[in-house]
PDB file of N, CA and C in Angstrom:
ATOM      1  N   MET A   1      76.856  87.295 -48.119  1.00  0.00           N
ATOM      2  CA  MET A   1      76.841  86.603 -46.654  1.00  0.00           C
ATOM      3  C   MET A   1      75.362  86.557 -46.241  1.00  0.00           C
ATOM      4  N   ALA A   2      75.519  86.535 -44.649  1.00  0.00           N
ATOM      5  CA  ALA A   2      73.846  86.540 -43.998  1.00  0.00           C
ATOM      6  C   ALA A   2      73.610  87.724 -43.591  1.00  0.00           C
ATOM      7  N   ARG A   3      71.975  87.923 -43.522  1.00  0.00           N
ATOM      8  CA  ARG A   3      71.616  88.813 -42.645  1.00  0.00           C
ATOM      9  C   ARG A   3      71.076  88.492 -41.510  1.00  0.00           C
ATOM     10  N   ILE A   4      71.543  88.891 -40.281  1.00  0.00           N
ATOM     11  CA  ILE A   4      71.597  88.487 -38.931  1.00  0.00           C
ATOM     12  C   ILE A   4      70.881  89.416 -38.201  1.00  0.00           C
ATOM     13  N   LEU A   5      69.774  88.992 -37.322  1.00  0.00           N
ATOM     14  CA  LEU A   5      69.344  89.827 -36.125  1.00  0.00           C
ATOM     15  C   LEU A   5      69.943  89.555 -34.844  1.00  0.00           C
ATOM     16  N   LEU A   6      70.654  90.476 -34.231  1.00  0.00           N
ATOM     17  CA  LEU A   6      71.101  90.343 -32.814  1.00  0.00           C
ATOM     18  C   LEU A   6      69.995  90.953 -31.911  1.00  0.00           C
ATOM     19  N   VAL A   7      69.589  90.319 -31.065  1.00  0.00           N
ATOM     20  CA  VAL A   7      68.633  90.782 -29.903  1.00  0.00           C
ATOM     21  C   VAL A   7      69.473  90.423 -28.689  1.00  0.00           C
ATOM     22  N   GLU A   8      69.870  91.540 -28.189  1.00  0.00           N
ATOM     23  CA  GLU A   8      70.900  91.826 -27.137  1.00  0.00           C
ATOM     24  C   GLU A   8      70.377  93.184 -26.444  1.00  0.00           C
ATOM     25  N   ASP A   9      70.369  92.851 -25.083  1.00  0.00           N
ATOM     26  CA  ASP A   9      70.144  94.307 -24.296  1.00  0.00           C
ATOM     27  C   ASP A   9      71.207  95.186 -23.932  1.00  0.00           C
ATOM     28  N   ASP A  10      72.639  94.274 -23.867  1.00  0.00           N
ATOM     29  CA  ASP A  10      73.707  95.046 -23.257  1.00  0.00           C
ATOM     30  C   ASP A  10      74.313  95.685 -24.259  1.00  0.00           C
ATOM     31  N   LEU A  11      74.379  96.906 -24.237  1.00  0.00           N
ATOM     32  CA  LEU A  11      75.143  97.773 -25.466  1.00  0.00           C
ATOM     33  C   LEU A  11      76.386  97.312 -25.876  1.00  0.00           C
ATOM     34  N   TRP A  12      77.356  96.997 -24.873  1.00  0.00           N
ATOM     35  CA  TRP A  12      78.600  96.718 -25.066  1.00  0.00           C
ATOM     36  C   TRP A  12      78.690  95.226 -25.829  1.00  0.00           C
ATOM     37  N   SER A  13      77.877  94.439 -25.346  1.00  0.00           N
ATOM     38  CA  SER A  13      77.705  92.972 -26.124  1.00  0.00           C
ATOM     39  C   SER A  13      77.408  93.164 -27.449  1.00  0.00           C
ATOM     40  N   ARG A  14      76.277  94.121 -27.644  1.00  0.00           N
ATOM     41  CA  ARG A  14      75.670  94.603 -28.916  1.00  0.00           C
ATOM     42  C   ARG A  14      77.031  94.763 -29.740  1.00  0.00           C
ATOM     43  N   ARG A  15      77.719  95.727 -29.528  1.00  0.00           N
ATOM     44  CA  ARG A  15      78.662  96.524 -30.296  1.00  0.00           C
ATOM     45  C   ARG A  15      79.734  95.610 -30.622  1.00  0.00           C
ATOM     46  N   LEU A  16      80.053  94.771 -29.751  1.00  0.00           N
ATOM     47  CA  LEU A  16      81.318  93.733 -30.115  1.00  0.00           C
ATOM     48  C   LEU A  16      80.611  92.714 -31.038  1.00  0.00           C
ATOM     49  N   VAL A  17      79.557  92.301 -30.883  1.00  0.00           N
ATOM     50  CA  VAL A  17      79.157  91.351 -31.689  1.00  0.00           C
ATOM     51  C   VAL A  17      78.677  91.630 -33.236  1.00  0.00           C
ATOM     52  N   PHE A  18      78.136  92.983 -33.154  1.00  0.00           N
ATOM     53  CA  PHE A  18      77.876  93.676 -34.543  1.00  0.00           C
ATOM     54  C   PHE A  18      79.153  93.772 -35.209  1.00  0.00           C
ATOM     55  N   ASP A  19      80.189  94.288 -34.636  1.00  0.00           N
ATOM     56  CA  ASP A  19      81.518  94.483 -35.096  1.00  0.00           C
ATOM     57  C   ASP A  19      82.049  93.281 -35.711  1.00  0.00           C
ATOM     58  N   LEU A  20      82.001  92.230 -34.863  1.00  0.00           N
ATOM     59  CA  LEU A  20      82.828  90.807 -35.335  1.00  0.00           C
ATOM     60  C   LEU A  20      81.841  90.506 -36.594  1.00  0.00           C
ATOM     61  N   LEU A  21      80.646  90.319 -36.646  1.00  0.00           N
ATOM     62  CA  LEU A  21      79.914  89.865 -37.756  1.00  0.00           C
ATOM     63  C   LEU A  21      80.159  90.442 -38.960  1.00  0.00           C
ATOM     64  N   VAL A  22      79.872  91.968 -38.810  1.00  0.00           N
ATOM     65  CA  VAL A  22      80.176  92.877 -40.028  1.00  0.00           C
ATOM     66  C   VAL A  22      81.477  92.804 -40.920  1.00  0.00           C
ATOM     67  N   LEU A  23      82.701  92.527 -39.732  1.00  0.00           N
ATOM     68  CA  LEU A  23      83.701  92.319 -40.168  1.00  0.00           C
ATOM     69  C   LEU A  23      84.003  90.919 -41.158  1.00  0.00           C
ATOM     70  N   ARG A  24      83.167  90.283 -41.043  1.00  0.00           N
ATOM     71  CA  ARG A  24      82.891  89.025 -41.611  1.00  0.00           C
ATOM     72  C   ARG A  24      82.074  88.916 -42.937  1.00  0.00           C
ATOM     73  N   GLY A  25      81.733  90.139 -43.208  1.00  0.00           N
ATOM     74  CA  GLY A  25      80.567  90.394 -44.209  1.00  0.00           C
ATOM     75  C   GLY A  25      79.318  90.297 -44.076  1.00  0.00           C
ATOM     76  N   HIS A  26      78.754  90.002 -42.945  1.00  0.00           N
ATOM     77  CA  HIS A  26      77.297  90.078 -42.567  1.00  0.00           C
ATOM     78  C   HIS A  26      76.730  91.422 -42.413  1.00  0.00           C
ATOM     79  N   ASP A  27      75.539  91.127 -42.831  1.00  0.00           N
ATOM     80  CA  ASP A  27      74.566  92.368 -42.674  1.00  0.00           C
ATOM     81  C   ASP A  27      73.900  92.471 -41.122  1.00  0.00           C
ATOM     82  N   VAL A  28      74.062  93.052 -40.334  1.00  0.00           N
ATOM     83  CA  VAL A  28      73.759  92.753 -38.956  1.00  0.00           C
ATOM     84  C   VAL A  28      72.733  93.934 -38.527  1.00  0.00           C
ATOM     85  N   LEU A  29      71.710  93.611 -38.189  1.00  0.00           N
ATOM     86  CA  LEU A  29      70.462  94.618 -37.464  1.00  0.00           C
ATOM     87  C   LEU A  29      70.408  94.195 -35.887  1.00  0.00           C
ATOM     88  N   CYS A  30      70.239  95.203 -35.023  1.00  0.00           N
ATOM     89  CA  CYS A  30      70.163  94.964 -33.694  1.00  0.00           C
ATOM     90  C   CYS A  30      68.898  95.360 -33.211  1.00  0.00           C
ATOM     91  N   ALA A  31      68.725  94.751 -32.094  1.00  0.00           N
ATOM     92  CA  ALA A  31      67.589  95.070 -31.202  1.00  0.00           C
ATOM     93  C   ALA A  31      67.752  94.744 -29.841  1.00  0.00           C
ATOM     94  N   ALA A  32      66.978  95.470 -29.011  1.00  0.00           N
ATOM     95  CA  ALA A  32      67.496  95.564 -27.401  1.00  0.00           C
ATOM     96  C   ALA A  32      66.396  94.699 -26.681  1.00  0.00           C
ATOM     97  N   GLY A  33      65.468  94.291 -27.431  1.00  0.00           N
ATOM     98  CA  GLY A  33      64.472  93.409 -26.579  1.00  0.00           C
ATOM     99  C   GLY A  33      63.517  92.764 -27.337  1.00  0.00           C
ATOM    100  N   VAL A  34      62.290  92.153 -26.725  1.00  0.00           N
ATOM    101  CA  VAL A  34      61.308  91.460 -27.463  1.00  0.00           C
ATOM    102  C   VAL A  34      60.694  92.458 -28.396  1.00  0.00           C
ATOM    103  N   SER A  35      60.148  93.540 -27.892  1.00  0.00           N
ATOM    104  CA  SER A  35      59.307  94.281 -28.764  1.00  0.00           C
ATOM    105  C   SER A  35      60.423  94.922 -30.076  1.00  0.00           C
ATOM    106  N   ASP A  36      61.467  95.203 -29.876  1.00  0.00           N
ATOM    107  CA  ASP A  36      62.310  95.589 -30.951  1.00  0.00           C
ATOM    108  C   ASP A  36      62.583  94.550 -31.634  1.00  0.00           C
ATOM    109  N   GLY A  37      62.873  93.243 -31.155  1.00  0.00           N
ATOM    110  CA  GLY A  37      63.182  92.344 -32.170  1.00  0.00           C
ATOM    111  C   GLY A  37      62.025  91.814 -32.814  1.00  0.00           C
ATOM    112  N   ARG A  38      60.748  91.697 -32.324  1.00  0.00           N
ATOM    113  CA  ARG A  38      59.525  91.412 -33.043  1.00  0.00           C
ATOM    114  C   ARG A  38      59.381  92.527 -34.130  1.00  0.00           C
ATOM    115  N   ALA A  39      59.593  93.856 -33.763  1.00  0.00           N
ATOM    116  CA  ALA A  39      59.249  94.782 -35.106  1.00  0.00           C
ATOM    117  C   ALA A  39      60.195  94.744 -36.190  1.00  0.00           C
ATOM    118  N   GLN A  40      61.572  94.189 -35.897  1.00  0.00           N
ATOM    119  CA  GLN A  40      62.492  93.787 -36.872  1.00  0.00           C
ATOM    120  C   GLN A  40      62.150  92.746 -37.460  1.00  0.00           C
ATOM    121  N   LEU A  41      61.823  91.545 -37.137  1.00  0.00           N
ATOM    122  CA  LEU A  41      61.267  90.480 -37.617  1.00  0.00           C
ATOM    123  C   LEU A  41      60.027  90.539 -38.236  1.00  0.00           C
ATOM    124  N   ASP A  42      59.203  91.379 -38.156  1.00  0.00           N
ATOM    125  CA  ASP A  42      58.207  91.888 -39.005  1.00  0.00           C
ATOM    126  C   ASP A  42      58.186  92.694 -40.361  1.00  0.00           C
ATOM    127  N   THR A  43      59.459  93.134 -40.401  1.00  0.00           N
ATOM    128  CA  THR A  43      59.769  94.062 -41.537  1.00  0.00           C
ATOM    129  C   THR A  43      60.937  93.666 -42.509  1.00  0.00           C
ATOM    130  N   VAL A  44      61.833  92.644 -41.999  1.00  0.00           N
ATOM    131  CA  VAL A  44      63.046  92.315 -42.528  1.00  0.00           C
ATOM    132  C   VAL A  44      63.085  90.759 -42.667  1.00  0.00           C
ATOM    133  N   LYS A  45      63.592  90.208 -43.778  1.00  0.00           N
ATOM    134  CA  LYS A  45      63.777  88.745 -43.960  1.00  0.00           C
ATOM    135  C   LYS A  45      65.189  88.386 -43.321  1.00  0.00           C
ATOM    136  N   PHE A  46      65.329  87.676 -42.120  1.00  0.00           N
ATOM    137  CA  PHE A  46      66.637  87.232 -41.814  1.00  0.00           C
ATOM    138  C   PHE A  46      67.136  85.807 -42.263  1.00  0.00           C
ATOM    139  N   ASP A  47      68.328  85.680 -42.326  1.00  0.00           N
ATOM    140  CA  ASP A  47      68.859  84.160 -42.112  1.00  0.00           C
ATOM    141  C   ASP A  47      69.098  83.357 -40.994  1.00  0.00           C
ATOM    142  N   ALA A  48      69.407  84.408 -39.956  1.00  0.00           N
ATOM    143  CA  ALA A  48      69.595  83.934 -38.288  1.00  0.00           C
ATOM    144  C   ALA A  48      69.158  84.833 -37.642  1.00  0.00           C
ATOM    145  N   VAL A  49      68.983  84.373 -36.226  1.00  0.00           N
ATOM    146  CA  VAL A  49      68.777  85.196 -35.123  1.00  0.00           C
ATOM    147  C   VAL A  49      69.743  84.690 -33.920  1.00  0.00           C
ATOM    148  N   LEU A  50      70.557  85.882 -33.266  1.00  0.00           N
ATOM    149  CA  LEU A  50      71.273  85.455 -32.268  1.00  0.00           C
ATOM    150  C   LEU A  50      70.421  86.185 -31.072  1.00  0.00           C
ATOM    151  N   LEU A  51      69.829  85.516 -30.290  1.00  0.00           N
ATOM    152  CA  LEU A  51      68.718  85.713 -29.478  1.00  0.00           C
ATOM    153  C   LEU A  51      69.414  85.581 -27.710  1.00  0.00           C
ATOM    154  N   ASP A  52      69.662  86.674 -26.982  1.00  0.00           N
ATOM    155  CA  ASP A  52      69.764  86.731 -25.641  1.00  0.00           C
ATOM    156  C   ASP A  52      68.476  86.119 -24.958  1.00  0.00           C
ATOM    157  N   ILE A  53      68.860  85.315 -24.055  1.00  0.00           N
ATOM    158  CA  ILE A  53      67.617  84.896 -23.057  1.00  0.00           C
ATOM    159  C   ILE A  53      67.094  85.831 -22.113  1.00  0.00           C
ATOM    160  N   ASN A  54      68.030  86.732 -21.622  1.00  0.00           N
ATOM    161  CA  ASN A  54      67.428  87.569 -20.531  1.00  0.00           C
ATOM    162  C   ASN A  54      67.451  88.858 -21.218  1.00  0.00           C
ATOM    163  N   ILE A  55      66.333  89.054 -21.691  1.00  0.00           N
ATOM    164  CA  ILE A  55      66.206  90.629 -22.267  1.00  0.00           C
ATOM    165  C   ILE A  55      64.732  91.196 -21.998  1.00  0.00           C
ATOM    166  N   PRO A  56      64.508  92.407 -22.108  1.00  0.00           N
ATOM    167  CA  PRO A  56      63.268  92.972 -21.741  1.00  0.00           C
ATOM    168  C   PRO A  56      62.291  92.560 -22.593  1.00  0.00           C
ATOM    169  N   GLY A  57      60.853  92.581 -21.947  1.00  0.00           N
ATOM    170  CA  GLY A  57      59.736  92.246 -22.589  1.00  0.00           C
ATOM    171  C   GLY A  57      59.266  90.965 -22.765  1.00  0.00           C
ATOM    172  N   GLY A  58      59.806  89.918 -21.891  1.00  0.00           N
ATOM    173  CA  GLY A  58      59.255  88.684 -21.997  1.00  0.00           C
ATOM    174  C   GLY A  58      60.506  87.364 -22.029  1.00  0.00           C
ATOM    175  N   GLY A  59      61.628  87.861 -22.341  1.00  0.00           N
ATOM    176  CA  GLY A  59      62.624  87.002 -22.578  1.00  0.00           C
ATOM    177  C   GLY A  59      62.866  86.587 -24.123  1.00  0.00           C
ATOM    178  N   GLY A  60      63.795  85.894 -24.258  1.00  0.00           N
ATOM    179  CA  GLY A  60      64.297  85.318 -25.378  1.00  0.00           C
ATOM    180  C   GLY A  60      63.426  84.013 -25.595  1.00  0.00           C
ATOM    181  N   GLU A  61      63.133  83.292 -24.614  1.00  0.00           N
ATOM    182  CA  GLU A  61      62.504  82.211 -25.054  1.00  0.00           C
ATOM    183  C   GLU A  61      60.874  82.631 -25.533  1.00  0.00           C
ATOM    184  N   LEU A  62      60.514  83.603 -24.940  1.00  0.00           N
ATOM    185  CA  LEU A  62      59.102  84.140 -25.631  1.00  0.00           C
ATOM    186  C   LEU A  62      59.230  84.481 -27.239  1.00  0.00           C
ATOM    187  N   LEU A  63      60.224  85.316 -27.344  1.00  0.00           N
ATOM    188  CA  LEU A  63      60.375  85.593 -28.912  1.00  0.00           C
ATOM    189  C   LEU A  63      60.663  84.235 -29.793  1.00  0.00           C
ATOM    190  N   LEU A  64      61.279  83.639 -29.210  1.00  0.00           N
ATOM    191  CA  LEU A  64      61.587  82.199 -30.144  1.00  0.00           C
ATOM    192  C   LEU A  64      60.358  81.487 -30.276  1.00  0.00           C
ATOM    193  N   ARG A  65      59.377  81.424 -29.253  1.00  0.00           N
ATOM    194  CA  ARG A  65      58.120  80.729 -29.660  1.00  0.00           C
ATOM    195  C   ARG A  65      57.359  81.378 -30.740  1.00  0.00           C
ATOM    196  N   GLU A  66      57.448  82.811 -30.756  1.00  0.00           N
ATOM    197  CA  GLU A  66      56.832  83.630 -31.777  1.00  0.00           C
ATOM    198  C   GLU A  66      57.509  83.343 -32.936  1.00  0.00           C
ATOM    199  N   ILE A  67      58.670  83.228 -33.123  1.00  0.00           N
ATOM    200  CA  ILE A  67      59.496  82.989 -34.384  1.00  0.00           C
ATOM    201  C   ILE A  67      58.875  81.442 -34.815  1.00  0.00           C
ATOM    202  N   ARG A  68      59.196  80.545 -34.157  1.00  0.00           N
ATOM    203  CA  ARG A  68      58.738  79.382 -34.631  1.00  0.00           C
ATOM    204  C   ARG A  68      57.369  79.116 -35.111  1.00  0.00           C
ATOM    205  N   GLU A  69      56.529  80.036 -34.515  1.00  0.00           N
ATOM    206  CA  GLU A  69      55.171  79.928 -35.227  1.00  0.00           C
ATOM    207  C   GLU A  69      54.962  80.039 -36.683  1.00  0.00           C
ATOM    208  N   TYR A  70      55.915  80.906 -37.166  1.00  0.00           N
ATOM    209  CA  TYR A  70      56.077  80.970 -38.781  1.00  0.00           C
ATOM    210  C   TYR A  70      57.069  80.601 -39.261  1.00  0.00           C
ATOM    211  N   ASN A  71      58.251  80.198 -38.679  1.00  0.00           N
ATOM    212  CA  ASN A  71      59.411  79.886 -39.238  1.00  0.00           C
ATOM    213  C   ASN A  71      60.001  78.829 -38.316  1.00  0.00           C
ATOM    214  N   ALA A  72      59.832  77.525 -38.865  1.00  0.00           N
ATOM    215  CA  ALA A  72      60.555  76.367 -38.001  1.00  0.00           C
ATOM    216  C   ALA A  72      62.036  76.228 -38.359  1.00  0.00           C
ATOM    217  N   VAL A  73      62.584  76.717 -39.472  1.00  0.00           N
ATOM    218  CA  VAL A  73      63.761  76.210 -39.788  1.00  0.00           C
ATOM    219  C   VAL A  73      64.895  77.549 -39.813  1.00  0.00           C
ATOM    220  N   MET A  74      64.444  78.450 -39.681  1.00  0.00           N
ATOM    221  CA  MET A  74      65.466  79.683 -39.334  1.00  0.00           C
ATOM    222  C   MET A  74      66.213  79.447 -38.221  1.00  0.00           C
ATOM    223  N   PRO A  75      67.650  79.398 -38.308  1.00  0.00           N
ATOM    224  CA  PRO A  75      68.267  79.139 -37.121  1.00  0.00           C
ATOM    225  C   PRO A  75      68.296  80.240 -36.277  1.00  0.00           C
ATOM    226  N   VAL A  76      67.862  80.198 -34.985  1.00  0.00           N
ATOM    227  CA  VAL A  76      67.942  80.978 -33.835  1.00  0.00           C
ATOM    228  C   VAL A  76      68.716  80.179 -32.913  1.00  0.00           C
ATOM    229  N   ILE A  77      69.905  81.235 -32.614  1.00  0.00           N
ATOM    230  CA  ILE A  77      70.787  80.678 -31.653  1.00  0.00           C
ATOM    231  C   ILE A  77      70.674  81.386 -30.208  1.00  0.00           C
ATOM    232  N   ALA A  78      70.767  80.534 -29.369  1.00  0.00           N
ATOM    233  CA  ALA A  78      70.680  81.017 -28.059  1.00  0.00           C
ATOM    234  C   ALA A  78      71.945  81.782 -27.501  1.00  0.00           C
ATOM    235  N   PHE A  79      72.083  83.245 -27.186  1.00  0.00           N
ATOM    236  CA  PHE A  79      73.179  83.775 -27.024  1.00  0.00           C
ATOM    237  C   PHE A  79      73.082  84.183 -25.481  1.00  0.00           C
ATOM    238  N   THR A  80      73.680  83.599 -24.717  1.00  0.00           N
ATOM    239  CA  THR A  80      73.465  83.887 -23.059  1.00  0.00           C
ATOM    240  C   THR A  80      74.638  83.523 -22.335  1.00  0.00           C
ATOM    241  N   ALA A  81      74.674  84.176 -21.069  1.00  0.00           N
ATOM    242  CA  ALA A  81      75.461  83.804 -20.001  1.00  0.00           C
ATOM    243  C   ALA A  81      74.848  82.585 -19.296  1.00  0.00           C
ATOM    244  N   SER A  82      73.684  82.043 -19.415  1.00  0.00           N
ATOM    245  CA  SER A  82      73.282  80.932 -19.026  1.00  0.00           C
ATOM    246  C   SER A  82      74.262  79.940 -19.238  1.00  0.00           C
ATOM    247  N   THR A  83      75.055  79.302 -18.392  1.00  0.00           N
ATOM    248  CA  THR A  83      75.825  78.184 -18.599  1.00  0.00           C
ATOM    249  C   THR A  83      75.853  77.239 -17.557  1.00  0.00           C
ATOM    250  N   MET A  84      74.706  77.210 -16.949  1.00  0.00           N
ATOM    251  CA  MET A  84      74.416  75.999 -15.939  1.00  0.00           C
ATOM    252  C   MET A  84      74.479  74.764 -16.506  1.00  0.00           C
ATOM    253  N   THR A  85      74.803  73.574 -15.594  1.00  0.00           N
ATOM    254  CA  THR A  85      74.665  72.371 -16.215  1.00  0.00           C
ATOM    255  C   THR A  85      73.147  71.959 -16.996  1.00  0.00           C
ATOM    256  N   GLY A  86      72.921  71.645 -18.167  1.00  0.00           N
ATOM    257  CA  GLY A  86      71.534  71.500 -18.540  1.00  0.00           C
ATOM    258  C   GLY A  86      70.901  72.468 -19.489  1.00  0.00           C
ATOM    259  N   ASP A  87      71.783  73.590 -19.199  1.00  0.00           N
ATOM    260  CA  ASP A  87      71.065  74.827 -19.844  1.00  0.00           C
ATOM    261  C   ASP A  87      71.294  74.575 -21.391  1.00  0.00           C
ATOM    262  N   ARG A  88      72.403  74.312 -22.017  1.00  0.00           N
ATOM    263  CA  ARG A  88      72.237  73.860 -23.452  1.00  0.00           C
ATOM    264  C   ARG A  88      71.117  73.027 -23.857  1.00  0.00           C
ATOM    265  N   GLU A  89      71.019  71.917 -23.250  1.00  0.00           N
ATOM    266  CA  GLU A  89      70.127  70.864 -23.659  1.00  0.00           C
ATOM    267  C   GLU A  89      68.813  71.635 -23.567  1.00  0.00           C
ATOM    268  N   ARG A  90      68.741  72.217 -22.463  1.00  0.00           N
ATOM    269  CA  ARG A  90      67.031  72.837 -22.216  1.00  0.00           C
ATOM    270  C   ARG A  90      66.651  73.999 -23.465  1.00  0.00           C
ATOM    271  N   PHE A  91      67.861  74.593 -23.701  1.00  0.00           N
ATOM    272  CA  PHE A  91      67.662  75.634 -24.933  1.00  0.00           C
ATOM    273  C   PHE A  91      67.345  74.842 -26.502  1.00  0.00           C
ATOM    274  N   LEU A  92      68.060  73.991 -26.629  1.00  0.00           N
ATOM    275  CA  LEU A  92      67.716  72.870 -27.685  1.00  0.00           C
ATOM    276  C   LEU A  92      66.369  72.277 -27.687  1.00  0.00           C
ATOM    277  N   ALA A  93      65.986  71.884 -26.582  1.00  0.00           N
ATOM    278  CA  ALA A  93      64.758  71.288 -26.460  1.00  0.00           C
ATOM    279  C   ALA A  93      63.616  72.048 -26.772  1.00  0.00           C
ATOM    280  N   GLU A  94      63.846  73.405 -26.509  1.00  0.00           N
ATOM    281  CA  GLU A  94      62.878  74.691 -26.602  1.00  0.00           C
ATOM    282  C   GLU A  94      62.823  74.838 -28.022  1.00  0.00           C
ATOM    283  N   GLY A  95      63.729  74.708 -28.752  1.00  0.00           N
ATOM    284  CA  GLY A  95      63.684  74.885 -30.133  1.00  0.00           C
ATOM    285  C   GLY A  95      64.714  75.761 -30.802  1.00  0.00           C
ATOM    286  N   PHE A  96      65.537  76.150 -29.843  1.00  0.00           N
ATOM    287  CA  PHE A  96      66.677  76.789 -30.329  1.00  0.00           C
ATOM    288  C   PHE A  96      67.547  75.880 -31.114  1.00  0.00           C
ATOM    289  N   THR A  97      68.266  76.728 -32.220  1.00  0.00           N
ATOM    290  CA  THR A  97      69.298  75.675 -33.289  1.00  0.00           C
ATOM    291  C   THR A  97      70.431  75.453 -32.550  1.00  0.00           C
ATOM    292  N   GLY A  98      70.816  76.022 -31.706  1.00  0.00           N
ATOM    293  CA  GLY A  98      72.356  76.275 -31.172  1.00  0.00           C
ATOM    294  C   GLY A  98      72.454  76.928 -29.948  1.00  0.00           C
ATOM    295  N   HIS A  99      73.622  77.303 -29.389  1.00  0.00           N
ATOM    296  CA  HIS A  99      73.751  77.789 -28.099  1.00  0.00           C
ATOM    297  C   HIS A  99      75.277  78.315 -27.902  1.00  0.00           C
ATOM    298  N   ILE A 100      75.413  79.602 -27.949  1.00  0.00           N
ATOM    299  CA  ILE A 100      76.647  80.374 -27.775  1.00  0.00           C
ATOM    300  C   ILE A 100      76.676  81.093 -26.422  1.00  0.00           C
ATOM    301  N   SER A 101      77.768  80.597 -25.511  1.00  0.00           N
ATOM    302  CA  SER A 101      77.853  81.283 -24.030  1.00  0.00           C
ATOM    303  C   SER A 101      78.638  82.405 -24.198  1.00  0.00           C
ATOM    304  N   LYS A 102      78.372  83.226 -23.372  1.00  0.00           N
ATOM    305  CA  LYS A 102      79.259  84.438 -22.816  1.00  0.00           C
ATOM    306  C   LYS A 102      79.951  84.178 -21.817  1.00  0.00           C
ATOM    307  N   PRO A 103      80.990  84.767 -21.571  1.00  0.00           N
ATOM    308  CA  PRO A 103      81.574  85.541 -22.599  1.00  0.00           C
ATOM    309  C   PRO A 103      82.298  84.746 -23.795  1.00  0.00           C
ATOM    310  N   ILE A 104      82.171  85.471 -24.939  1.00  0.00           N
ATOM    311  CA  ILE A 104      82.496  84.897 -26.288  1.00  0.00           C
ATOM    312  C   ILE A 104      83.982  84.801 -26.514  1.00  0.00           C
ATOM    313  N   ASP A 105      84.472  83.621 -27.436  1.00  0.00           N
ATOM    314  CA  ASP A 105      85.839  83.675 -27.824  1.00  0.00           C
ATOM    315  C   ASP A 105      85.729  84.825 -29.420  1.00  0.00           C
ATOM    316  N   VAL A 106      86.308  85.767 -28.836  1.00  0.00           N
ATOM    317  CA  VAL A 106      86.374  86.487 -30.205  1.00  0.00           C
ATOM    318  C   VAL A 106      86.734  86.044 -31.304  1.00  0.00           C
ATOM    319  N   LYS A 107      87.865  85.431 -31.346  1.00  0.00           N
ATOM    320  CA  LYS A 107      88.604  84.685 -32.414  1.00  0.00           C
ATOM    321  C   LYS A 107      87.701  83.611 -33.122  1.00  0.00           C
ATOM    322  N   SER A 108      86.868  82.937 -32.501  1.00  0.00           N
ATOM    323  CA  SER A 108      86.212  81.951 -33.025  1.00  0.00           C
ATOM    324  C   SER A 108      84.631  82.289 -33.214  1.00  0.00           C
ATOM    325  N   PHE A 109      84.217  83.363 -32.593  1.00  0.00           N
ATOM    326  CA  PHE A 109      82.964  83.590 -32.836  1.00  0.00           C
ATOM    327  C   PHE A 109      82.198  83.624 -34.041  1.00  0.00           C
ATOM    328  N   GLY A 110      82.830  84.529 -35.194  1.00  0.00           N
ATOM    329  CA  GLY A 110      82.063  84.440 -36.432  1.00  0.00           C
ATOM    330  C   GLY A 110      81.960  83.302 -37.105  1.00  0.00           C
ATOM    331  N   GLU A 111      83.070  82.318 -36.726  1.00  0.00           N
ATOM    332  CA  GLU A 111      83.018  80.968 -37.563  1.00  0.00           C
ATOM    333  C   GLU A 111      81.918  80.293 -36.783  1.00  0.00           C
ATOM    334  N   THR A 112      81.780  80.199 -35.495  1.00  0.00           N
ATOM    335  CA  THR A 112      80.737  79.628 -34.660  1.00  0.00           C
ATOM    336  C   THR A 112      79.547  79.942 -35.018  1.00  0.00           C
ATOM    337  N   VAL A 113      79.034  81.215 -35.275  1.00  0.00           N
ATOM    338  CA  VAL A 113      77.743  81.674 -35.867  1.00  0.00           C
ATOM    339  C   VAL A 113      77.411  81.122 -37.353  1.00  0.00           C
ATOM    340  N   GLU A 114      78.411  81.141 -38.124  1.00  0.00           N
ATOM    341  CA  GLU A 114      78.124  80.798 -39.555  1.00  0.00           C
ATOM    342  C   GLU A 114      78.277  79.252 -39.495  1.00  0.00           C
ATOM    343  N   SER A 115      78.442  78.460 -38.491  1.00  0.00           N
ATOM    344  CA  SER A 115      78.418  77.008 -38.389  1.00  0.00           C
ATOM    345  C   SER A 115      76.894  76.681 -38.414  1.00  0.00           C
ATOM    346  N   TYR A 116      76.097  77.531 -37.854  1.00  0.00           N
ATOM    347  CA  TYR A 116      74.539  77.486 -37.740  1.00  0.00           C
ATOM    348  C   TYR A 116      73.648  77.876 -39.080  1.00  0.00           C
ATOM    349  N   LEU A 117      74.410  78.622 -39.973  1.00  0.00           N
ATOM    350  CA  LEU A 117      73.677  79.077 -40.772  1.00  0.00           C
ATOM    351  C   LEU A 117      73.197  78.112 -41.980  1.00  0.00           C
ATOM    352  N   LEU A 118      72.222  78.367 -42.408  1.00  0.00           N
ATOM    353  CA  LEU A 118      71.848  77.237 -43.480  1.00  0.00           C
ATOM    354  C   LEU A 118      72.305  77.615 -45.008  1.00  0.00           C
ATOM    355  N   PRO A 119      72.762  76.592 -45.917  1.00  0.00           N
ATOM    356  CA  PRO A 119      73.236  76.697 -46.983  1.00  0.00           C
ATOM    357  C   PRO A 119      72.272  77.755 -47.888  1.00  0.00           C
ATOM    358  N   PRO A 120      72.966  78.546 -48.917  1.00  0.00           N
ATOM    359  CA  PRO A 120      71.962  79.270 -49.626  1.00  0.00           C
ATOM    360  C   PRO A 120      71.103  78.422 -50.481  1.00  0.00           C
ATOM    361  N   THR A 121      70.021  78.830 -50.746  1.00  0.00           N
ATOM    362  CA  THR A 121      69.098  77.946 -51.637  1.00  0.00           C
ATOM    363  C   THR A 121      68.832  78.849 -53.094  1.00  0.00           C
TER     364      THR A 121
END
C-alpha cells in the first residue's frame, strides 16, 4: 500500500486518521506542524500527504508551496474543517490535489484518501 504523511496538529484527529489508514494497510507517519512535516518530507519518500490547513509554523498552504517546488505530482490533500463556499475550489487552485473536510466519514475515509493516490509505477 502507500506511505502517507499526515500533517495535523490535533492529537485526536491524528490518532483517528492514523488508525483508519493503518487498518487499510498503509504506512502512516505523522507531523504536528510545518516544521515537523518538512523534516519528515526531507527524510522519507511519501506517496501522498494529508495536510491540515491550520497548522503551526505557517499553515498548510506554506508547506504545500514548498512541496510543489520539488514535487508537482505527489498527491497533497487539503484536510481541513474549512468548508465555506469556495474553499474547495481555492485549495485546488492553490495546488492541492483534493480536499477532505472534517469531520470525516469514518466509513468512507480510507477509500476517499485512496482515490487520490497515484497508480504504482
